[in-house]
Amino acid sequence: MNKLYQISGKALLFVAFVLSGFSALADGSVRGFLIDAKNNQPLADAHVIAKLNGIYKGDTYTDDKGFYDIKSLPAGIYSLTFNLFEYQDLILEGIKINDDQSLVMKPALMGKPIIGT
């Protein structure tokens, strides 16, 4: 019985080693600061959405400094949507995100035009 325990212990160590190797292959992320295109001021509370082939993969909201960070994105070519009330939506297509890499972007939103008074 003691010999069986030693083999099982070695097998368990091997499985733990293999699983730790898989976790080392981390997904990518996209982060940065969202600003107003006219005055370069940070935009808080904007919604940022990441889609891979039209499928939702993650989202977040900008903080009071305009910072956003969407983590755990599998590698691929993404579309990123930035939207905020009183601003025109910004959709960026063809954004390449690689595994184990953080893409840094600083997009800018333009205010919606004022229609009639």
N, C-alpha and C. Protein backbone atom coordinates (compact mmCIF):
# COMPACT_ATOMS: atom_id res chain seq x y z
N MET A 1 0.82 -1.19 0.00
CA MET A 1 0.00 0.00 0.00
C MET A 1 0.87 1.26 0.00
N ASN A 2 1.99 1.22 0.65
CA ASN A 2 2.89 2.36 0.71
C ASN A 2 3.40 2.72 -0.69
N LYS A 3 3.70 1.70 -1.52
CA LYS A 3 4.18 1.93 -2.87
C LYS A 3 3.11 2.62 -3.72
N LEU A 4 1.87 2.22 -3.56
CA LEU A 4 0.77 2.84 -4.29
C LEU A 4 0.66 4.32 -3.91
N TYR A 5 0.82 4.65 -2.67
CA TYR A 5 0.76 6.03 -2.21
C TYR A 5 1.86 6.85 -2.85
N GLN A 6 3.07 6.31 -2.97
CA GLN A 6 4.18 7.03 -3.59
C GLN A 6 3.89 7.30 -5.06
N ILE A 7 3.35 6.33 -5.77
CA ILE A 7 3.02 6.52 -7.18
C ILE A 7 1.92 7.58 -7.31
N SER A 8 0.92 7.48 -6.46
CA SER A 8 -0.17 8.44 -6.52
C SER A 8 0.35 9.85 -6.23
N GLY A 9 1.26 9.98 -5.29
CA GLY A 9 1.84 11.29 -4.96
C GLY A 9 2.59 11.86 -6.15
N LYS A 10 3.36 11.03 -6.86
CA LYS A 10 4.09 11.48 -8.05
C LYS A 10 3.11 11.87 -9.15
N ALA A 11 2.06 11.08 -9.32
CA ALA A 11 1.06 11.38 -10.35
C ALA A 11 0.38 12.71 -10.03
N LEU A 12 0.05 12.93 -8.76
CA LEU A 12 -0.60 14.16 -8.36
C LEU A 12 0.32 15.36 -8.60
N LEU A 13 1.59 15.22 -8.31
CA LEU A 13 2.56 16.28 -8.55
C LEU A 13 2.65 16.58 -10.05
N PHE A 14 2.64 15.55 -10.90
CA PHE A 14 2.69 15.72 -12.34
C PHE A 14 1.46 16.48 -12.84
N VAL A 15 0.27 16.09 -12.37
CA VAL A 15 -0.97 16.76 -12.77
C VAL A 15 -0.93 18.23 -12.34
N ALA A 16 -0.47 18.51 -11.15
CA ALA A 16 -0.39 19.89 -10.66
C ALA A 16 0.58 20.69 -11.53
N PHE A 17 1.69 20.11 -11.94
CA PHE A 17 2.66 20.77 -12.79
C PHE A 17 2.06 21.08 -14.16
N VAL A 18 1.37 20.11 -14.75
CA VAL A 18 0.75 20.31 -16.06
C VAL A 18 -0.31 21.40 -15.99
N LEU A 19 -1.16 21.38 -14.97
CA LEU A 19 -2.20 22.41 -14.83
C LEU A 19 -1.61 23.79 -14.61
N SER A 20 -0.51 23.88 -13.88
CA SER A 20 0.10 25.19 -13.67
C SER A 20 0.66 25.73 -14.98
N GLY A 21 1.10 24.85 -15.87
CA GLY A 21 1.57 25.28 -17.19
C GLY A 21 0.46 25.89 -18.00
N PHE A 22 -0.74 25.34 -17.91
CA PHE A 22 -1.87 25.89 -18.65
C PHE A 22 -2.26 27.26 -18.12
N SER A 23 -2.19 27.46 -16.84
CA SER A 23 -2.58 28.76 -16.30
C SER A 23 -1.57 29.84 -16.64
N ALA A 24 -0.35 29.46 -17.04
CA ALA A 24 0.66 30.45 -17.40
C ALA A 24 0.31 31.12 -18.73
N LEU A 25 -0.51 30.46 -19.55
CA LEU A 25 -0.94 31.05 -20.82
C LEU A 25 -2.12 31.97 -20.54
N ALA A 26 -1.81 33.18 -20.14
CA ALA A 26 -2.87 34.12 -19.74
C ALA A 26 -3.50 34.78 -20.96
N ASP A 27 -4.77 35.12 -20.82
CA ASP A 27 -5.46 35.88 -21.85
C ASP A 27 -4.91 37.30 -21.89
N GLY A 28 -5.31 38.04 -22.90
CA GLY A 28 -4.88 39.42 -23.04
C GLY A 28 -5.85 40.38 -22.38
N SER A 29 -5.54 41.67 -22.52
CA SER A 29 -6.41 42.70 -21.97
C SER A 29 -6.27 43.97 -22.80
N VAL A 30 -7.21 44.86 -22.61
CA VAL A 30 -7.14 46.18 -23.24
C VAL A 30 -7.43 47.21 -22.15
N ARG A 31 -6.65 48.26 -22.14
CA ARG A 31 -6.81 49.28 -21.11
C ARG A 31 -6.34 50.63 -21.64
N GLY A 32 -6.65 51.66 -20.91
CA GLY A 32 -6.22 52.99 -21.31
C GLY A 32 -7.06 54.06 -20.67
N PHE A 33 -7.04 55.23 -21.28
CA PHE A 33 -7.78 56.38 -20.78
C PHE A 33 -8.67 56.91 -21.89
N LEU A 34 -9.91 57.17 -21.56
CA LEU A 34 -10.88 57.73 -22.50
C LEU A 34 -10.98 59.23 -22.23
N ILE A 35 -10.86 60.03 -23.31
CA ILE A 35 -10.87 61.48 -23.14
C ILE A 35 -11.90 62.14 -24.06
N ASP A 36 -12.20 63.39 -23.74
CA ASP A 36 -13.06 64.23 -24.58
C ASP A 36 -12.19 64.73 -25.74
N ALA A 37 -12.66 64.56 -26.97
CA ALA A 37 -11.87 64.93 -28.15
C ALA A 37 -11.64 66.44 -28.24
N LYS A 38 -12.54 67.23 -27.67
CA LYS A 38 -12.43 68.68 -27.80
C LYS A 38 -11.48 69.30 -26.77
N ASN A 39 -11.57 68.84 -25.51
CA ASN A 39 -10.77 69.50 -24.46
C ASN A 39 -9.76 68.58 -23.78
N ASN A 40 -9.64 67.34 -24.24
CA ASN A 40 -8.69 66.36 -23.70
C ASN A 40 -8.90 66.02 -22.23
N GLN A 41 -10.08 66.29 -21.70
CA GLN A 41 -10.39 65.96 -20.31
C GLN A 41 -10.83 64.50 -20.21
N PRO A 42 -10.53 63.84 -19.09
CA PRO A 42 -10.95 62.44 -18.92
C PRO A 42 -12.47 62.32 -18.85
N LEU A 43 -12.98 61.20 -19.36
CA LEU A 43 -14.42 60.94 -19.34
C LEU A 43 -14.73 59.81 -18.37
N ALA A 44 -15.45 60.13 -17.32
CA ALA A 44 -15.83 59.15 -16.30
C ALA A 44 -17.17 58.50 -16.66
N ASP A 45 -17.35 57.28 -16.20
CA ASP A 45 -18.60 56.53 -16.32
C ASP A 45 -18.99 56.15 -17.74
N ALA A 46 -18.03 56.14 -18.66
CA ALA A 46 -18.32 55.68 -20.02
C ALA A 46 -18.30 54.15 -20.02
N HIS A 47 -19.14 53.57 -20.85
CA HIS A 47 -19.23 52.11 -20.97
C HIS A 47 -18.30 51.67 -22.09
N VAL A 48 -17.46 50.68 -21.81
CA VAL A 48 -16.52 50.14 -22.79
C VAL A 48 -16.85 48.66 -22.96
N ILE A 49 -17.10 48.24 -24.21
CA ILE A 49 -17.52 46.86 -24.49
C ILE A 49 -16.57 46.23 -25.50
N ALA A 50 -16.13 45.01 -25.22
CA ALA A 50 -15.26 44.26 -26.13
C ALA A 50 -16.04 43.09 -26.72
N LYS A 51 -15.99 42.99 -28.07
CA LYS A 51 -16.65 41.87 -28.77
C LYS A 51 -15.66 41.21 -29.71
N LEU A 52 -15.70 39.88 -29.71
CA LEU A 52 -14.87 39.07 -30.60
C LEU A 52 -15.81 38.38 -31.58
N ASN A 53 -15.69 38.69 -32.87
CA ASN A 53 -16.59 38.14 -33.88
C ASN A 53 -18.06 38.40 -33.53
N GLY A 54 -18.34 39.59 -33.00
CA GLY A 54 -19.71 39.96 -32.67
C GLY A 54 -20.22 39.38 -31.36
N ILE A 55 -19.39 38.62 -30.67
CA ILE A 55 -19.80 37.99 -29.41
C ILE A 55 -19.18 38.74 -28.23
N TYR A 56 -20.04 39.12 -27.30
CA TYR A 56 -19.60 39.83 -26.09
C TYR A 56 -18.54 39.03 -25.34
N LYS A 57 -17.42 39.70 -25.01
CA LYS A 57 -16.35 39.04 -24.24
C LYS A 57 -16.01 39.77 -22.95
N GLY A 58 -16.46 41.00 -22.81
CA GLY A 58 -16.18 41.72 -21.58
C GLY A 58 -16.54 43.19 -21.69
N ASP A 59 -16.69 43.83 -20.54
CA ASP A 59 -16.97 45.25 -20.52
C ASP A 59 -16.56 45.85 -19.18
N THR A 60 -16.55 47.16 -19.13
CA THR A 60 -16.24 47.88 -17.91
C THR A 60 -16.73 49.31 -18.06
N TYR A 61 -16.57 50.08 -17.01
CA TYR A 61 -16.87 51.51 -17.03
C TYR A 61 -15.60 52.27 -16.66
N THR A 62 -15.43 53.45 -17.25
CA THR A 62 -14.27 54.26 -16.91
C THR A 62 -14.42 54.85 -15.52
N ASP A 63 -13.29 55.03 -14.85
CA ASP A 63 -13.32 55.64 -13.52
C ASP A 63 -13.28 57.17 -13.64
N ASP A 64 -13.12 57.87 -12.54
CA ASP A 64 -13.15 59.33 -12.57
C ASP A 64 -11.98 59.95 -13.32
N LYS A 65 -10.95 59.16 -13.61
CA LYS A 65 -9.81 59.64 -14.40
C LYS A 65 -9.88 59.17 -15.85
N GLY A 66 -11.01 58.54 -16.21
CA GLY A 66 -11.18 58.05 -17.57
C GLY A 66 -10.53 56.71 -17.84
N PHE A 67 -9.98 56.08 -16.80
CA PHE A 67 -9.27 54.81 -16.96
C PHE A 67 -10.24 53.64 -17.10
N TYR A 68 -9.90 52.73 -18.01
CA TYR A 68 -10.66 51.50 -18.20
C TYR A 68 -9.68 50.34 -18.35
N ASP A 69 -10.13 49.13 -18.03
CA ASP A 69 -9.29 47.92 -18.13
C ASP A 69 -10.22 46.71 -18.26
N ILE A 70 -10.18 46.07 -19.41
CA ILE A 70 -10.94 44.84 -19.61
C ILE A 70 -9.94 43.70 -19.69
N LYS A 71 -10.03 42.78 -18.74
CA LYS A 71 -9.08 41.67 -18.63
C LYS A 71 -9.70 40.37 -19.13
N SER A 72 -8.86 39.35 -19.20
CA SER A 72 -9.28 37.98 -19.55
C SER A 72 -9.93 37.90 -20.93
N LEU A 73 -9.31 38.54 -21.90
CA LEU A 73 -9.80 38.48 -23.27
C LEU A 73 -8.97 37.48 -24.07
N PRO A 74 -9.60 36.45 -24.65
CA PRO A 74 -8.87 35.51 -25.48
C PRO A 74 -8.30 36.24 -26.71
N ALA A 75 -7.20 35.75 -27.23
CA ALA A 75 -6.58 36.36 -28.40
C ALA A 75 -7.56 36.40 -29.57
N GLY A 76 -7.48 37.48 -30.34
CA GLY A 76 -8.33 37.60 -31.51
C GLY A 76 -8.43 39.04 -31.98
N ILE A 77 -9.28 39.24 -32.99
CA ILE A 77 -9.51 40.56 -33.55
C ILE A 77 -10.85 41.07 -33.01
N TYR A 78 -10.82 42.16 -32.29
CA TYR A 78 -11.97 42.67 -31.54
C TYR A 78 -12.56 43.94 -32.14
N SER A 79 -13.79 44.20 -31.75
CA SER A 79 -14.38 45.52 -31.91
C SER A 79 -14.58 46.05 -30.49
N LEU A 80 -14.24 47.30 -30.29
CA LEU A 80 -14.41 47.95 -29.00
C LEU A 80 -15.39 49.10 -29.16
N THR A 81 -16.37 49.14 -28.29
CA THR A 81 -17.37 50.21 -28.33
C THR A 81 -17.23 51.05 -27.07
N PHE A 82 -17.18 52.36 -27.27
CA PHE A 82 -17.11 53.32 -26.17
C PHE A 82 -18.36 54.18 -26.26
N ASN A 83 -19.15 54.22 -25.19
CA ASN A 83 -20.31 55.09 -25.23
C ASN A 83 -20.55 55.78 -23.89
N LEU A 84 -21.07 56.99 -24.02
CA LEU A 84 -21.34 57.84 -22.87
C LEU A 84 -22.43 58.83 -23.27
N PHE A 85 -23.38 59.03 -22.39
CA PHE A 85 -24.48 59.97 -22.64
C PHE A 85 -23.92 61.32 -23.08
N GLU A 86 -24.55 61.93 -24.05
CA GLU A 86 -24.18 63.23 -24.61
C GLU A 86 -22.92 63.19 -25.48
N TYR A 87 -22.43 61.98 -25.78
CA TYR A 87 -21.28 61.82 -26.68
C TYR A 87 -21.65 60.85 -27.79
N GLN A 88 -21.01 61.01 -28.94
CA GLN A 88 -21.21 60.09 -30.04
C GLN A 88 -20.50 58.77 -29.70
N ASP A 89 -21.17 57.64 -29.97
CA ASP A 89 -20.53 56.34 -29.75
C ASP A 89 -19.31 56.22 -30.64
N LEU A 90 -18.30 55.57 -30.13
CA LEU A 90 -17.09 55.30 -30.91
C LEU A 90 -16.95 53.78 -30.99
N ILE A 91 -16.89 53.25 -32.21
CA ILE A 91 -16.68 51.82 -32.41
C ILE A 91 -15.38 51.64 -33.18
N LEU A 92 -14.45 50.96 -32.56
CA LEU A 92 -13.16 50.68 -33.19
C LEU A 92 -13.14 49.22 -33.60
N GLU A 93 -12.89 48.96 -34.87
CA GLU A 93 -12.88 47.60 -35.42
C GLU A 93 -11.45 47.16 -35.68
N GLY A 94 -11.24 45.86 -35.72
CA GLY A 94 -9.95 45.31 -36.10
C GLY A 94 -8.86 45.47 -35.05
N ILE A 95 -9.25 45.50 -33.79
CA ILE A 95 -8.28 45.66 -32.69
C ILE A 95 -7.71 44.29 -32.34
N LYS A 96 -6.42 44.10 -32.56
CA LYS A 96 -5.79 42.80 -32.31
C LYS A 96 -5.33 42.70 -30.86
N ILE A 97 -5.82 41.67 -30.19
CA ILE A 97 -5.42 41.40 -28.81
C ILE A 97 -4.74 40.04 -28.77
N ASN A 98 -3.55 40.01 -28.21
CA ASN A 98 -2.77 38.78 -28.11
C ASN A 98 -2.83 38.21 -26.69
N ASP A 99 -2.62 36.90 -26.60
CA ASP A 99 -2.52 36.27 -25.27
C ASP A 99 -1.35 36.88 -24.51
N ASP A 100 -1.52 36.99 -23.21
CA ASP A 100 -0.47 37.43 -22.30
C ASP A 100 0.10 38.80 -22.66
N GLN A 101 -0.78 39.68 -23.18
CA GLN A 101 -0.36 41.02 -23.55
C GLN A 101 -1.48 42.01 -23.21
N SER A 102 -1.09 43.20 -22.79
CA SER A 102 -2.06 44.24 -22.49
C SER A 102 -1.92 45.35 -23.53
N LEU A 103 -2.97 45.54 -24.31
CA LEU A 103 -3.00 46.59 -25.32
C LEU A 103 -3.44 47.88 -24.66
N VAL A 104 -2.67 48.96 -24.86
CA VAL A 104 -2.98 50.25 -24.26
C VAL A 104 -3.48 51.20 -25.35
N MET A 105 -4.64 51.80 -25.11
CA MET A 105 -5.25 52.71 -26.08
C MET A 105 -5.74 53.97 -25.37
N LYS A 106 -5.77 55.09 -26.12
CA LYS A 106 -6.28 56.35 -25.57
C LYS A 106 -7.26 56.96 -26.58
N PRO A 107 -8.47 56.39 -26.67
CA PRO A 107 -9.46 56.92 -27.61
C PRO A 107 -10.08 58.21 -27.08
N ALA A 108 -10.73 58.94 -28.01
CA ALA A 108 -11.39 60.19 -27.65
C ALA A 108 -12.81 60.18 -28.20
N LEU A 109 -13.77 60.68 -27.41
CA LEU A 109 -15.15 60.78 -27.84
C LEU A 109 -15.48 62.23 -28.19
N MET A 110 -16.32 62.37 -29.21
CA MET A 110 -16.79 63.70 -29.60
C MET A 110 -18.20 63.91 -29.06
N GLY A 111 -18.47 65.13 -28.61
CA GLY A 111 -19.79 65.46 -28.11
C GLY A 111 -20.83 65.36 -29.22
N LYS A 112 -22.07 65.02 -28.83
CA LYS A 112 -23.16 64.98 -29.80
C LYS A 112 -23.49 66.41 -30.23
N PRO A 113 -23.81 66.58 -31.51
CA PRO A 113 -24.18 67.93 -31.96
C PRO A 113 -25.48 68.38 -31.31
N ILE A 114 -25.57 69.66 -31.02
CA ILE A 114 -26.80 70.23 -30.45
C ILE A 114 -27.76 70.52 -31.59
N ILE A 115 -28.95 69.97 -31.47
CA ILE A 115 -29.94 70.11 -32.54
C ILE A 115 -31.04 71.06 -32.09
N GLY A 116 -31.17 72.19 -32.80
CA GLY A 116 -32.24 73.16 -32.55
C GLY A 116 -32.31 73.68 -31.13
N THR A 117 -32.80 74.86 -30.99
CA THR A 117 -33.02 75.44 -29.65
C THR A 117 -34.37 76.08 -29.56
